[in-house]
């Protein structure tokens, strides 16, 4: 088995397991968890192509959970595309400084948030009985209420892990 394939399978499986353990969950989907962390490490260690593929695989794997899927495009936005966002971290090779990795991690979460917000704007009316007057503001507030804490926790842990991995490889 190819080293990248084995690493990808392990990281996707770990991300899937972590998706069952939310620190808190919101009523219409989304929550704070560590499921992004294995994808971040996968992209960092194996590059953007493997990271993108791992994100797609996790998004498809999450179909086995009781996910709120109301439309095929919403599924693509909230699952495979959102989780493939971590491919950006793959551009941070092991020789880059921590600031570059941090910036790419922040950009990854920003892109993931954009996919969730777009999904919320497009499909909120199908899922929520009393649709807010300003759907854009509602989608931004709702999604950032869990994405910001998720990003902070995952990026903090990611930085600790890659520093230790860099030290081990010296």
N, C-alpha and C. Protein backbone atom coordinates (compact mmCIF):
# COMPACT_ATOMS: atom_id res chain seq x y z
N UNK A 1 0.84 -1.19 0.00
CA UNK A 1 0.00 0.00 0.00
C UNK A 1 0.88 1.24 0.00
N UNK A 2 0.56 2.16 -0.86
CA UNK A 2 1.26 3.44 -0.95
C UNK A 2 1.20 4.14 0.41
N UNK A 3 2.32 4.76 0.80
CA UNK A 3 2.39 5.44 2.10
C UNK A 3 1.33 6.53 2.23
N UNK A 4 1.11 7.30 1.15
CA UNK A 4 0.11 8.36 1.19
C UNK A 4 -1.30 7.79 1.30
N UNK A 5 -1.55 6.68 0.62
CA UNK A 5 -2.89 6.07 0.67
C UNK A 5 -3.19 5.57 2.08
N UNK A 6 -2.21 4.94 2.70
CA UNK A 6 -2.40 4.44 4.06
C UNK A 6 -2.61 5.57 5.04
N UNK A 7 -1.82 6.63 4.90
CA UNK A 7 -1.97 7.80 5.76
C UNK A 7 -3.34 8.45 5.55
N UNK A 8 -3.77 8.54 4.30
CA UNK A 8 -5.07 9.14 3.99
C UNK A 8 -6.20 8.31 4.60
N UNK A 9 -6.12 7.00 4.45
CA UNK A 9 -7.15 6.13 5.01
C UNK A 9 -7.22 6.28 6.53
N UNK A 10 -6.06 6.33 7.17
CA UNK A 10 -6.01 6.48 8.62
C UNK A 10 -6.58 7.83 9.06
N UNK A 11 -6.20 8.88 8.37
CA UNK A 11 -6.67 10.23 8.75
C UNK A 11 -8.16 10.39 8.50
N UNK A 12 -8.67 9.85 7.40
CA UNK A 12 -10.12 9.93 7.13
C UNK A 12 -10.88 9.13 8.19
N UNK A 13 -10.38 7.96 8.53
CA UNK A 13 -11.05 7.15 9.56
C UNK A 13 -11.04 7.87 10.91
N UNK A 14 -9.92 8.46 11.27
CA UNK A 14 -9.83 9.19 12.54
C UNK A 14 -10.75 10.42 12.52
N UNK A 15 -10.78 11.13 11.40
CA UNK A 15 -11.68 12.29 11.28
C UNK A 15 -13.13 11.87 11.43
N UNK A 16 -13.48 10.75 10.82
CA UNK A 16 -14.85 10.24 10.91
C UNK A 16 -15.21 9.90 12.37
N UNK A 17 -14.30 9.24 13.06
CA UNK A 17 -14.54 8.90 14.47
C UNK A 17 -14.69 10.18 15.30
N UNK A 18 -13.82 11.15 15.06
CA UNK A 18 -13.89 12.41 15.81
C UNK A 18 -15.18 13.18 15.52
N UNK A 19 -15.80 12.94 14.36
CA UNK A 19 -17.04 13.64 14.02
C UNK A 19 -18.20 13.25 14.94
N UNK A 20 -18.06 12.17 15.67
CA UNK A 20 -19.10 11.74 16.60
C UNK A 20 -19.02 12.43 17.95
N UNK A 21 -17.93 13.16 18.19
CA UNK A 21 -17.70 13.78 19.48
C UNK A 21 -17.66 15.30 19.36
N UNK A 22 -18.81 15.92 19.48
CA UNK A 22 -18.90 17.38 19.41
C UNK A 22 -18.77 17.98 20.80
N UNK A 23 -18.01 19.07 20.88
CA UNK A 23 -17.95 19.80 22.14
C UNK A 23 -19.29 20.49 22.38
N UNK A 24 -19.90 21.00 21.31
CA UNK A 24 -21.30 21.42 21.33
C UNK A 24 -21.84 21.37 19.92
N UNK A 25 -23.15 21.22 19.80
CA UNK A 25 -23.82 21.05 18.52
C UNK A 25 -24.93 22.08 18.39
N UNK A 26 -25.11 22.61 17.19
CA UNK A 26 -26.15 23.58 16.91
C UNK A 26 -27.42 22.88 16.41
N UNK A 27 -28.58 23.50 16.59
CA UNK A 27 -29.84 22.81 16.28
C UNK A 27 -30.05 22.50 14.79
N UNK A 28 -29.50 23.30 13.88
CA UNK A 28 -29.73 23.08 12.45
C UNK A 28 -28.48 22.56 11.75
N UNK A 29 -27.62 21.90 12.48
CA UNK A 29 -26.40 21.34 11.91
C UNK A 29 -25.19 22.15 12.31
N UNK A 30 -24.05 21.49 12.27
CA UNK A 30 -22.80 22.13 12.65
C UNK A 30 -22.54 22.00 14.14
N UNK A 31 -21.29 22.00 14.47
CA UNK A 31 -20.89 21.90 15.87
C UNK A 31 -19.37 22.02 15.96
N UNK A 32 -18.88 22.14 17.15
CA UNK A 32 -17.45 22.25 17.38
C UNK A 32 -16.89 20.85 17.64
N UNK A 33 -15.97 20.43 16.79
CA UNK A 33 -15.34 19.13 16.96
C UNK A 33 -13.91 19.17 16.43
N UNK A 34 -13.24 18.05 16.54
CA UNK A 34 -11.85 17.95 16.10
C UNK A 34 -11.73 17.19 14.77
N UNK A 35 -12.83 16.98 14.06
CA UNK A 35 -12.79 16.17 12.85
C UNK A 35 -11.89 16.76 11.76
N UNK A 36 -11.65 18.05 11.80
CA UNK A 36 -10.79 18.69 10.79
C UNK A 36 -9.31 18.42 11.03
N UNK A 37 -8.93 18.17 12.25
CA UNK A 37 -7.52 18.04 12.60
C UNK A 37 -6.79 16.95 11.81
N UNK A 38 -7.33 15.73 11.69
CA UNK A 38 -6.62 14.73 10.89
C UNK A 38 -6.46 15.13 9.43
N UNK A 39 -7.44 15.85 8.88
CA UNK A 39 -7.32 16.31 7.49
C UNK A 39 -6.23 17.37 7.35
N UNK A 40 -6.10 18.19 8.36
CA UNK A 40 -5.06 19.21 8.35
C UNK A 40 -3.68 18.54 8.36
N UNK A 41 -3.51 17.56 9.22
CA UNK A 41 -2.24 16.84 9.31
C UNK A 41 -1.97 16.07 8.02
N UNK A 42 -3.01 15.46 7.45
CA UNK A 42 -2.86 14.74 6.19
C UNK A 42 -2.37 15.67 5.08
N UNK A 43 -3.00 16.81 4.94
CA UNK A 43 -2.59 17.75 3.89
C UNK A 43 -1.17 18.24 4.12
N UNK A 44 -0.83 18.56 5.35
CA UNK A 44 0.51 19.04 5.67
C UNK A 44 1.56 17.98 5.35
N UNK A 45 1.26 16.74 5.69
CA UNK A 45 2.27 15.68 5.54
C UNK A 45 2.31 15.07 4.15
N UNK A 46 1.21 15.15 3.40
CA UNK A 46 1.15 14.46 2.11
C UNK A 46 0.90 15.36 0.91
N UNK A 47 0.62 16.63 1.14
CA UNK A 47 0.44 17.55 0.03
C UNK A 47 -1.02 17.84 -0.30
N UNK A 48 -1.22 18.83 -1.17
CA UNK A 48 -2.57 19.30 -1.46
C UNK A 48 -3.46 18.28 -2.18
N UNK A 49 -2.90 17.47 -3.07
CA UNK A 49 -3.72 16.51 -3.81
C UNK A 49 -4.28 15.45 -2.87
N UNK A 50 -3.42 14.92 -2.01
CA UNK A 50 -3.86 13.91 -1.05
C UNK A 50 -4.81 14.54 -0.04
N UNK A 51 -4.53 15.77 0.39
CA UNK A 51 -5.43 16.47 1.32
C UNK A 51 -6.80 16.70 0.71
N UNK A 52 -6.84 17.11 -0.55
CA UNK A 52 -8.12 17.32 -1.24
C UNK A 52 -8.89 16.01 -1.34
N UNK A 53 -8.20 14.95 -1.73
CA UNK A 53 -8.83 13.64 -1.85
C UNK A 53 -9.33 13.13 -0.51
N UNK A 54 -8.54 13.33 0.54
CA UNK A 54 -8.97 12.93 1.88
C UNK A 54 -10.22 13.67 2.32
N UNK A 55 -10.30 14.97 2.01
CA UNK A 55 -11.49 15.77 2.35
C UNK A 55 -12.72 15.28 1.61
N UNK A 56 -12.56 14.97 0.34
CA UNK A 56 -13.68 14.43 -0.45
C UNK A 56 -14.13 13.10 0.16
N UNK A 57 -13.18 12.24 0.49
CA UNK A 57 -13.51 10.93 1.07
C UNK A 57 -14.23 11.08 2.41
N UNK A 58 -13.77 12.01 3.25
CA UNK A 58 -14.46 12.22 4.53
C UNK A 58 -15.88 12.71 4.29
N UNK A 59 -16.04 13.67 3.38
CA UNK A 59 -17.37 14.18 3.08
C UNK A 59 -18.32 13.08 2.63
N UNK A 60 -17.82 12.17 1.80
CA UNK A 60 -18.66 11.05 1.35
C UNK A 60 -18.91 10.05 2.48
N UNK A 61 -17.90 9.84 3.31
CA UNK A 61 -18.04 8.92 4.43
C UNK A 61 -19.07 9.42 5.44
N UNK A 62 -19.16 10.73 5.59
CA UNK A 62 -20.12 11.30 6.54
C UNK A 62 -21.57 11.03 6.13
N UNK A 63 -21.78 10.54 4.91
CA UNK A 63 -23.13 10.13 4.50
C UNK A 63 -23.68 9.01 5.38
N UNK A 64 -22.79 8.22 5.97
CA UNK A 64 -23.23 7.10 6.80
C UNK A 64 -23.78 7.55 8.15
N UNK A 65 -23.49 8.82 8.51
CA UNK A 65 -24.07 9.37 9.74
C UNK A 65 -25.44 9.93 9.43
N UNK A 66 -26.17 10.26 10.46
CA UNK A 66 -27.48 10.88 10.24
C UNK A 66 -27.26 12.36 9.92
N UNK A 67 -26.87 12.62 8.69
CA UNK A 67 -26.58 13.98 8.24
C UNK A 67 -27.84 14.64 7.71
N UNK A 68 -27.90 15.95 7.83
CA UNK A 68 -29.04 16.71 7.32
C UNK A 68 -28.78 17.06 5.86
N UNK A 69 -29.27 16.23 4.96
CA UNK A 69 -29.08 16.46 3.53
C UNK A 69 -30.45 16.73 2.92
N UNK A 70 -30.59 17.93 2.36
CA UNK A 70 -31.89 18.31 1.79
C UNK A 70 -31.82 18.52 0.29
N UNK A 71 -30.61 18.54 -0.28
CA UNK A 71 -30.46 18.74 -1.71
C UNK A 71 -29.05 18.29 -2.10
N UNK A 72 -28.87 17.73 -3.31
CA UNK A 72 -27.52 17.28 -3.71
C UNK A 72 -26.47 18.39 -3.70
N UNK A 73 -26.83 19.60 -4.10
CA UNK A 73 -25.85 20.70 -4.08
C UNK A 73 -25.50 21.09 -2.65
N UNK A 74 -26.49 21.07 -1.78
CA UNK A 74 -26.23 21.36 -0.36
C UNK A 74 -25.28 20.31 0.21
N UNK A 75 -25.48 19.05 -0.15
CA UNK A 75 -24.59 17.98 0.30
C UNK A 75 -23.16 18.25 -0.16
N UNK A 76 -23.00 18.59 -1.45
CA UNK A 76 -21.66 18.86 -1.98
C UNK A 76 -20.99 20.02 -1.26
N UNK A 77 -21.74 21.08 -1.00
CA UNK A 77 -21.17 22.26 -0.33
C UNK A 77 -20.80 21.96 1.12
N UNK A 78 -21.69 21.30 1.86
CA UNK A 78 -21.48 21.08 3.29
C UNK A 78 -20.55 19.92 3.62
N UNK A 79 -20.35 19.02 2.70
CA UNK A 79 -19.54 17.84 3.02
C UNK A 79 -18.29 17.72 2.16
N UNK A 80 -18.32 17.16 0.96
CA UNK A 80 -17.05 16.99 0.24
C UNK A 80 -16.28 18.29 -0.02
N UNK A 81 -16.95 19.33 -0.48
CA UNK A 81 -16.24 20.57 -0.78
C UNK A 81 -15.74 21.26 0.49
N UNK A 82 -16.57 21.30 1.52
CA UNK A 82 -16.15 21.95 2.76
C UNK A 82 -14.92 21.27 3.36
N UNK A 83 -14.93 19.94 3.40
CA UNK A 83 -13.81 19.24 4.02
C UNK A 83 -12.59 19.16 3.11
N UNK A 84 -12.78 19.32 1.80
CA UNK A 84 -11.62 19.34 0.91
C UNK A 84 -10.86 20.66 1.02
N UNK A 85 -11.43 21.64 1.70
CA UNK A 85 -10.79 22.95 1.86
C UNK A 85 -9.41 22.85 2.51
N UNK A 86 -9.18 21.81 3.24
CA UNK A 86 -7.91 21.68 3.95
C UNK A 86 -6.75 21.33 3.04
N UNK A 87 -7.03 21.15 1.73
CA UNK A 87 -5.95 20.92 0.78
C UNK A 87 -4.97 22.10 0.78
N UNK A 88 -5.45 23.29 1.13
CA UNK A 88 -4.58 24.48 1.15
C UNK A 88 -3.38 24.29 2.07
N UNK A 89 -3.58 23.57 3.16
CA UNK A 89 -2.48 23.33 4.11
C UNK A 89 -1.38 22.51 3.45
N UNK A 90 -1.74 21.75 2.42
CA UNK A 90 -0.75 20.96 1.70
C UNK A 90 0.32 21.79 1.02
N UNK A 91 0.07 23.08 0.82
CA UNK A 91 1.07 23.97 0.23
C UNK A 91 2.09 24.43 1.27
N UNK A 92 1.87 24.09 2.51
CA UNK A 92 2.82 24.39 3.58
C UNK A 92 3.69 23.15 3.75
N UNK A 93 4.84 23.16 3.10
CA UNK A 93 5.69 21.98 3.24
C UNK A 93 6.42 22.02 4.57
N UNK A 94 7.07 20.97 4.86
CA UNK A 94 7.68 20.81 6.18
C UNK A 94 8.79 21.83 6.46
N UNK A 95 9.30 22.48 5.42
CA UNK A 95 10.36 23.46 5.63
C UNK A 95 9.83 24.88 5.85
N UNK A 96 8.52 25.10 5.59
CA UNK A 96 7.95 26.43 5.81
C UNK A 96 7.92 26.76 7.30
N UNK A 97 7.91 28.05 7.57
CA UNK A 97 7.83 28.46 8.97
C UNK A 97 6.40 28.31 9.49
N UNK A 98 6.25 28.44 10.78
CA UNK A 98 4.94 28.25 11.42
C UNK A 98 3.92 29.28 10.97
N UNK A 99 4.37 30.50 10.65
CA UNK A 99 3.45 31.55 10.23
C UNK A 99 2.76 31.18 8.92
N UNK A 100 3.51 30.60 7.99
CA UNK A 100 2.92 30.18 6.72
C UNK A 100 1.87 29.09 6.94
N UNK A 101 2.20 28.12 7.77
CA UNK A 101 1.26 27.04 8.07
C UNK A 101 0.02 27.57 8.78
N UNK A 102 0.24 28.50 9.69
CA UNK A 102 -0.89 29.11 10.40
C UNK A 102 -1.80 29.85 9.43
N UNK A 103 -1.23 30.63 8.54
CA UNK A 103 -2.02 31.38 7.57
C UNK A 103 -2.80 30.44 6.65
N UNK A 104 -2.18 29.38 6.18
CA UNK A 104 -2.88 28.43 5.31
C UNK A 104 -3.98 27.69 6.07
N UNK A 105 -3.77 27.43 7.35
CA UNK A 105 -4.82 26.81 8.16
C UNK A 105 -6.01 27.76 8.32
N UNK A 106 -5.72 29.03 8.57
CA UNK A 106 -6.80 30.02 8.69
C UNK A 106 -7.56 30.13 7.36
N UNK A 107 -6.83 30.17 6.26
CA UNK A 107 -7.48 30.24 4.94
C UNK A 107 -8.32 29.00 4.66
N UNK A 108 -7.86 27.84 5.11
CA UNK A 108 -8.63 26.60 4.94
C UNK A 108 -9.97 26.69 5.67
N UNK A 109 -9.93 27.16 6.90
CA UNK A 109 -11.18 27.30 7.66
C UNK A 109 -12.07 28.39 7.07
N UNK A 110 -11.46 29.44 6.53
CA UNK A 110 -12.25 30.49 5.89
C UNK A 110 -12.97 29.93 4.66
N UNK A 111 -12.26 29.13 3.87
CA UNK A 111 -12.88 28.52 2.69
C UNK A 111 -13.97 27.54 3.10
N UNK A 112 -13.70 26.73 4.12
CA UNK A 112 -14.73 25.81 4.60
C UNK A 112 -15.97 26.59 5.06
N UNK A 113 -15.75 27.68 5.78
CA UNK A 113 -16.86 28.51 6.24
C UNK A 113 -17.65 29.07 5.07
N UNK A 114 -16.96 29.48 4.02
CA UNK A 114 -17.65 30.02 2.84
C UNK A 114 -18.57 28.97 2.21
N UNK A 115 -18.12 27.73 2.14
CA UNK A 115 -18.98 26.66 1.61
C UNK A 115 -20.22 26.48 2.48
N UNK A 116 -20.05 26.48 3.81
CA UNK A 116 -21.20 26.32 4.71
C UNK A 116 -22.15 27.51 4.61
N UNK A 117 -21.59 28.71 4.51
CA UNK A 117 -22.42 29.91 4.41
C UNK A 117 -23.21 29.90 3.10
N UNK A 118 -22.56 29.56 2.01
CA UNK A 118 -23.25 29.49 0.72
C UNK A 118 -24.37 28.46 0.76
N UNK A 119 -24.11 27.33 1.36
CA UNK A 119 -25.15 26.32 1.53
C UNK A 119 -26.31 26.86 2.34
N UNK A 120 -25.99 27.57 3.42
CA UNK A 120 -27.04 28.15 4.26
C UNK A 120 -27.89 29.15 3.52
N UNK A 121 -27.25 29.98 2.70
CA UNK A 121 -28.00 30.97 1.94
C UNK A 121 -28.91 30.29 0.92
N UNK A 122 -28.39 29.28 0.24
CA UNK A 122 -29.15 28.62 -0.82
C UNK A 122 -30.29 27.74 -0.30
N UNK A 123 -30.10 27.12 0.87
CA UNK A 123 -31.05 26.09 1.29
C UNK A 123 -31.71 26.33 2.63
N UNK A 124 -31.44 27.45 3.27
CA UNK A 124 -32.04 27.75 4.57
C UNK A 124 -33.56 27.76 4.49
N UNK A 125 -34.11 28.30 3.43
CA UNK A 125 -35.56 28.38 3.28
C UNK A 125 -36.25 27.02 3.23
N UNK A 126 -35.51 26.00 2.83
CA UNK A 126 -36.09 24.65 2.77
C UNK A 126 -36.04 23.95 4.12
N UNK A 127 -35.22 24.45 5.02
CA UNK A 127 -34.94 23.73 6.27
C UNK A 127 -35.52 24.41 7.50
N UNK A 128 -35.64 25.73 7.45
CA UNK A 128 -36.09 26.49 8.62
C UNK A 128 -37.47 27.07 8.33
N UNK A 129 -38.38 26.91 9.30
CA UNK A 129 -39.75 27.38 9.10
C UNK A 129 -39.85 28.89 9.00
N UNK A 130 -39.26 29.61 9.92
CA UNK A 130 -39.30 31.08 9.91
C UNK A 130 -37.98 31.61 9.38
N UNK A 131 -37.91 31.78 8.07
CA UNK A 131 -36.69 32.23 7.42
C UNK A 131 -36.40 33.68 7.84
N UNK A 132 -35.17 33.95 8.31
CA UNK A 132 -34.80 35.31 8.72
C UNK A 132 -34.89 36.28 7.54
N UNK A 133 -35.13 37.55 7.87
CA UNK A 133 -35.27 38.58 6.84
C UNK A 133 -33.98 38.74 6.03
N UNK A 134 -32.84 38.84 6.72
CA UNK A 134 -31.57 38.97 6.02
C UNK A 134 -30.84 37.63 6.11
N UNK A 135 -31.05 36.81 5.10
CA UNK A 135 -30.52 35.46 5.09
C UNK A 135 -28.99 35.41 5.07
N UNK A 136 -28.37 36.36 4.40
CA UNK A 136 -26.91 36.41 4.35
C UNK A 136 -26.33 36.60 5.75
N UNK A 137 -26.83 37.58 6.48
CA UNK A 137 -26.35 37.84 7.83
C UNK A 137 -26.60 36.63 8.73
N UNK A 138 -27.79 36.05 8.62
CA UNK A 138 -28.12 34.88 9.43
C UNK A 138 -27.16 33.73 9.14
N UNK A 139 -26.91 33.45 7.84
CA UNK A 139 -26.03 32.34 7.46
C UNK A 139 -24.61 32.58 7.97
N UNK A 140 -24.15 33.82 7.88
CA UNK A 140 -22.80 34.14 8.37
C UNK A 140 -22.74 33.95 9.89
N UNK A 141 -23.68 34.53 10.61
CA UNK A 141 -23.68 34.41 12.08
C UNK A 141 -23.79 32.97 12.53
N UNK A 142 -24.72 32.24 11.92
CA UNK A 142 -24.95 30.85 12.34
C UNK A 142 -23.69 30.01 12.11
N UNK A 143 -23.14 30.08 10.92
CA UNK A 143 -22.00 29.23 10.60
C UNK A 143 -20.73 29.64 11.33
N UNK A 144 -20.51 30.93 11.48
CA UNK A 144 -19.31 31.35 12.21
C UNK A 144 -19.41 31.07 13.70
N UNK A 145 -20.63 30.90 14.22
CA UNK A 145 -20.79 30.58 15.64
C UNK A 145 -20.16 29.25 16.00
N UNK A 146 -20.05 28.34 15.03
CA UNK A 146 -19.34 27.09 15.33
C UNK A 146 -18.00 26.99 14.60
N UNK A 147 -17.86 27.69 13.47
CA UNK A 147 -16.61 27.58 12.72
C UNK A 147 -15.46 28.33 13.39
N UNK A 148 -15.73 29.47 14.01
CA UNK A 148 -14.64 30.20 14.67
C UNK A 148 -14.06 29.40 15.84
N UNK A 149 -14.90 28.89 16.77
CA UNK A 149 -14.29 28.08 17.84
C UNK A 149 -13.64 26.80 17.31
N UNK A 150 -14.24 26.20 16.28
CA UNK A 150 -13.65 25.00 15.68
C UNK A 150 -12.28 25.32 15.11
N UNK A 151 -12.19 26.43 14.40
CA UNK A 151 -10.91 26.83 13.80
C UNK A 151 -9.86 27.10 14.88
N UNK A 152 -10.23 27.84 15.90
CA UNK A 152 -9.27 28.18 16.96
C UNK A 152 -8.71 26.92 17.62
N UNK A 153 -9.58 26.02 18.00
CA UNK A 153 -9.15 24.78 18.68
C UNK A 153 -8.29 23.92 17.76
N UNK A 154 -8.76 23.70 16.52
CA UNK A 154 -8.04 22.83 15.60
C UNK A 154 -6.70 23.43 15.17
N UNK A 155 -6.65 24.72 14.91
CA UNK A 155 -5.40 25.35 14.51
C UNK A 155 -4.39 25.34 15.66
N UNK A 156 -4.86 25.58 16.86
CA UNK A 156 -3.99 25.52 18.04
C UNK A 156 -3.36 24.12 18.15
N UNK A 157 -4.19 23.08 18.08
CA UNK A 157 -3.68 21.71 18.19
C UNK A 157 -2.79 21.34 17.00
N UNK A 158 -3.17 21.78 15.82
CA UNK A 158 -2.39 21.52 14.61
C UNK A 158 -0.98 22.10 14.75
N UNK A 159 -0.87 23.32 15.24
CA UNK A 159 0.45 23.94 15.41
C UNK A 159 1.30 23.18 16.41
N UNK A 160 0.70 22.71 17.48
CA UNK A 160 1.45 21.91 18.46
C UNK A 160 1.95 20.62 17.82
N UNK A 161 1.07 19.95 17.09
CA UNK A 161 1.42 18.66 16.48
C UNK A 161 2.51 18.82 15.44
N UNK A 162 2.39 19.81 14.55
CA UNK A 162 3.42 19.92 13.50
C UNK A 162 4.77 20.36 14.07
N UNK A 163 4.75 21.14 15.14
CA UNK A 163 6.03 21.50 15.79
C UNK A 163 6.71 20.25 16.33
N UNK A 164 5.93 19.39 16.95
CA UNK A 164 6.50 18.14 17.49
C UNK A 164 6.97 17.21 16.38
N UNK A 165 6.20 17.13 15.30
CA UNK A 165 6.60 16.28 14.17
C UNK A 165 7.88 16.81 13.52
N UNK A 166 8.01 18.12 13.42
CA UNK A 166 9.22 18.72 12.86
C UNK A 166 10.42 18.40 13.75
N UNK A 167 10.23 18.46 15.08
CA UNK A 167 11.32 18.16 16.00
C UNK A 167 11.73 16.68 15.89
N UNK A 168 10.76 15.80 15.72
CA UNK A 168 11.06 14.37 15.59
C UNK A 168 11.86 14.07 14.33
N UNK A 169 11.60 14.81 13.28
CA UNK A 169 12.26 14.53 11.99
C UNK A 169 13.61 15.19 11.85
N UNK A 170 14.05 15.94 12.87
CA UNK A 170 15.39 16.57 12.79
C UNK A 170 16.47 15.60 13.16
